[in-house]
C-alpha atoms as a PDB file:
ATOM      1  CA  UNK A   1     -16.587  80.323 -18.894  1.00  0.00           C
ATOM      2  CA  UNK A   2     -13.461  82.238 -17.760  1.00  0.00           C
ATOM      3  CA  UNK A   3     -13.159  85.918 -18.547  1.00  0.00           C
ATOM      4  CA  UNK A   4      -9.705  87.373 -19.091  1.00  0.00           C
ATOM      5  CA  UNK A   5     -10.961  90.915 -18.625  1.00  0.00           C
ATOM      6  CA  UNK A   6     -11.838  90.440 -14.972  1.00  0.00           C
ATOM      7  CA  UNK A   7     -15.188  90.950 -13.293  1.00  0.00           C
ATOM      8  CA  UNK A   8     -17.805  92.953 -15.082  1.00  0.00           C
ATOM      9  CA  UNK A   9     -18.169  96.497 -13.691  1.00  0.00           C
ATOM     10  CA  UNK A  10     -21.444  98.275 -13.153  1.00  0.00           C
ATOM     11  CA  UNK A  11     -21.090 102.062 -13.057  1.00  0.00           C
ATOM     12  CA  UNK A  12     -22.620 103.864 -10.122  1.00  0.00           C
ATOM     13  CA  UNK A  13     -24.314 106.865 -11.702  1.00  0.00           C
ATOM     14  CA  UNK A  14     -24.797 108.740  -8.411  1.00  0.00           C
ATOM     15  CA  UNK A  15     -21.062 108.578  -7.731  1.00  0.00           C
ATOM     16  CA  UNK A  16     -20.342 109.904 -11.217  1.00  0.00           C
ATOM     17  CA  UNK A  17     -22.679 112.852 -10.606  1.00  0.00           C
ATOM     18  CA  UNK A  18     -20.963 113.690  -7.330  1.00  0.00           C
ATOM     19  CA  UNK A  19     -17.486 113.558  -8.821  1.00  0.00           C
ATOM     20  CA  UNK A  20     -18.521 115.630 -11.843  1.00  0.00           C
ATOM     21  CA  UNK A  21     -20.139 118.216  -9.540  1.00  0.00           C
ATOM     22  CA  UNK A  22     -16.978 118.362  -7.435  1.00  0.00           C
ATOM     23  CA  UNK A  23     -14.853 118.779 -10.555  1.00  0.00           C
ATOM     24  CA  UNK A  24     -17.131 121.564 -11.774  1.00  0.00           C
ATOM     25  CA  UNK A  25     -16.871 123.388  -8.426  1.00  0.00           C
ATOM     26  CA  UNK A  26     -13.068 123.143  -8.457  1.00  0.00           C
ATOM     27  CA  UNK A  27     -13.019 124.587 -11.986  1.00  0.00           C
ATOM     28  CA  UNK A  28     -15.187 127.526 -10.874  1.00  0.00           C
ATOM     29  CA  UNK A  29     -12.897 128.270  -7.935  1.00  0.00           C
ATOM     30  CA  UNK A  30      -9.798 128.167 -10.144  1.00  0.00           C
ATOM     31  CA  UNK A  31     -11.363 130.393 -12.779  1.00  0.00           C
ATOM     32  CA  UNK A  32     -12.561 132.865 -10.164  1.00  0.00           C
ATOM     33  CA  UNK A  33      -9.131 133.154  -8.562  1.00  0.00           C
ATOM     34  CA  UNK A  34      -7.396 133.743 -11.905  1.00  0.00           C
ATOM     35  CA  UNK A  35      -9.791 136.529 -12.886  1.00  0.00           C
ATOM     36  CA  UNK A  36      -8.438 138.793 -10.154  1.00  0.00           C
ATOM     37  CA  UNK A  37      -4.798 138.077 -10.912  1.00  0.00           C
ATOM     38  CA  UNK A  38      -2.353 140.906 -11.356  1.00  0.00           C
ATOM     39  CA  UNK A  39      -0.750 141.541 -14.710  1.00  0.00           C
ATOM     40  CA  UNK A  40       2.863 142.540 -13.998  1.00  0.00           C
ATOM     41  CA  UNK A  41       5.708 143.672 -16.207  1.00  0.00           C
ATOM     42  CA  UNK A  42       9.157 145.174 -15.742  1.00  0.00           C
ATOM     43  CA  UNK A  43       9.988 148.566 -17.254  1.00  0.00           C
ATOM     44  CA  UNK A  44      13.646 149.560 -17.623  1.00  0.00           C
ATOM     45  CA  UNK A  45      15.146 153.001 -18.152  1.00  0.00           C
ATOM     46  CA  UNK A  46      18.802 153.978 -18.340  1.00  0.00           C
ATOM     47  CA  UNK A  47      19.889 156.569 -15.793  1.00  0.00           C
ATOM     48  CA  UNK A  48      23.138 158.511 -15.604  1.00  0.00           C
ATOM     49  CA  UNK A  49      23.466 157.702 -11.912  1.00  0.00           C
ATOM     50  CA  UNK A  50      21.189 154.949 -10.632  1.00  0.00           C
ATOM     51  CA  UNK A  51      20.667 155.102  -6.876  1.00  0.00           C
ATOM     52  CA  UNK A  52      17.820 153.137  -5.287  1.00  0.00           C
ATOM     53  CA  UNK A  53      16.068 156.231  -3.899  1.00  0.00           C
ATOM     54  CA  UNK A  54      16.285 157.982  -7.297  1.00  0.00           C
ATOM     55  CA  UNK A  55      15.047 154.821  -8.980  1.00  0.00           C
ATOM     56  CA  UNK A  56      11.968 154.786  -6.708  1.00  0.00           C
ATOM     57  CA  UNK A  57      11.298 158.447  -7.481  1.00  0.00           C
ATOM     58  CA  UNK A  58      11.677 157.732 -11.207  1.00  0.00           C
ATOM     59  CA  UNK A  59       9.325 154.740 -11.032  1.00  0.00           C
ATOM     60  CA  UNK A  60       6.656 156.662  -9.123  1.00  0.00           C
ATOM     61  CA  UNK A  61       6.640 159.613 -11.517  1.00  0.00           C
ATOM     62  CA  UNK A  62       7.047 157.714 -14.767  1.00  0.00           C
ATOM     63  CA  UNK A  63       4.616 154.857 -14.148  1.00  0.00           C
ATOM     64  CA  UNK A  64       1.298 155.572 -12.467  1.00  0.00           C
ATOM     65  CA  UNK A  65       0.629 151.921 -11.691  1.00  0.00           C
ATOM     66  CA  UNK A  66       1.186 149.868  -8.600  1.00  0.00           C
ATOM     67  CA  UNK A  67       4.944 149.554  -8.129  1.00  0.00           C
ATOM     68  CA  UNK A  68       5.766 146.277  -6.421  1.00  0.00           C
ATOM     69  CA  UNK A  69       9.561 146.334  -6.800  1.00  0.00           C
ATOM     70  CA  UNK A  70      12.310 148.632  -8.007  1.00  0.00           C
ATOM     71  CA  UNK A  71      16.052 148.123  -8.281  1.00  0.00           C
ATOM     72  CA  UNK A  72      19.172 149.307 -10.094  1.00  0.00           C
ATOM     73  CA  UNK A  73      21.341 147.285 -12.446  1.00  0.00           C
ATOM     74  CA  UNK A  74      24.631 149.161 -12.251  1.00  0.00           C
ATOM     75  CA  UNK A  75      25.345 152.607 -10.807  1.00  0.00           C
ATOM     76  CA  UNK A  76      26.929 154.772 -13.515  1.00  0.00           C
ATOM     77  CA  UNK A  77      24.776 154.607 -16.666  1.00  0.00           C
ATOM     78  CA  UNK A  78      22.835 151.814 -15.000  1.00  0.00           C
ATOM     79  CA  UNK A  79      19.294 150.679 -15.533  1.00  0.00           C
ATOM     80  CA  UNK A  80      16.440 151.524 -13.184  1.00  0.00           C
ATOM     81  CA  UNK A  81      14.019 148.578 -13.150  1.00  0.00           C
ATOM     82  CA  UNK A  82      10.399 149.124 -12.145  1.00  0.00           C
ATOM     83  CA  UNK A  83       8.098 146.157 -11.651  1.00  0.00           C
ATOM     84  CA  UNK A  84       4.587 147.508 -12.139  1.00  0.00           C
ATOM     85  CA  UNK A  85       1.356 145.578 -11.734  1.00  0.00           C
ATOM     86  CA  UNK A  86      -2.160 146.221 -12.975  1.00  0.00           C
ATOM     87  CA  UNK A  87      -5.095 144.295 -11.572  1.00  0.00           C
ATOM     88  CA  UNK A  88      -6.616 142.581 -14.590  1.00  0.00           C
END
């Protein structure tokens, strides 16, 4: 008798338990690291004269969150961009 499917496999149940436990541990680590992720968004306001120091002052007084970045898009009637993050 010749089998075209190859040799018959016998599953090693202890190996399956180890690999499923390892997979479960990896899932827990990934879920735990995403729970402390920061939720960030960019707020934009138009300013008559957008200078980086004024933009920082504007971001600090307008948004009471953690400011990670701030920058100007344009100088005269430009936009002050504030990237604020909240720990979720």
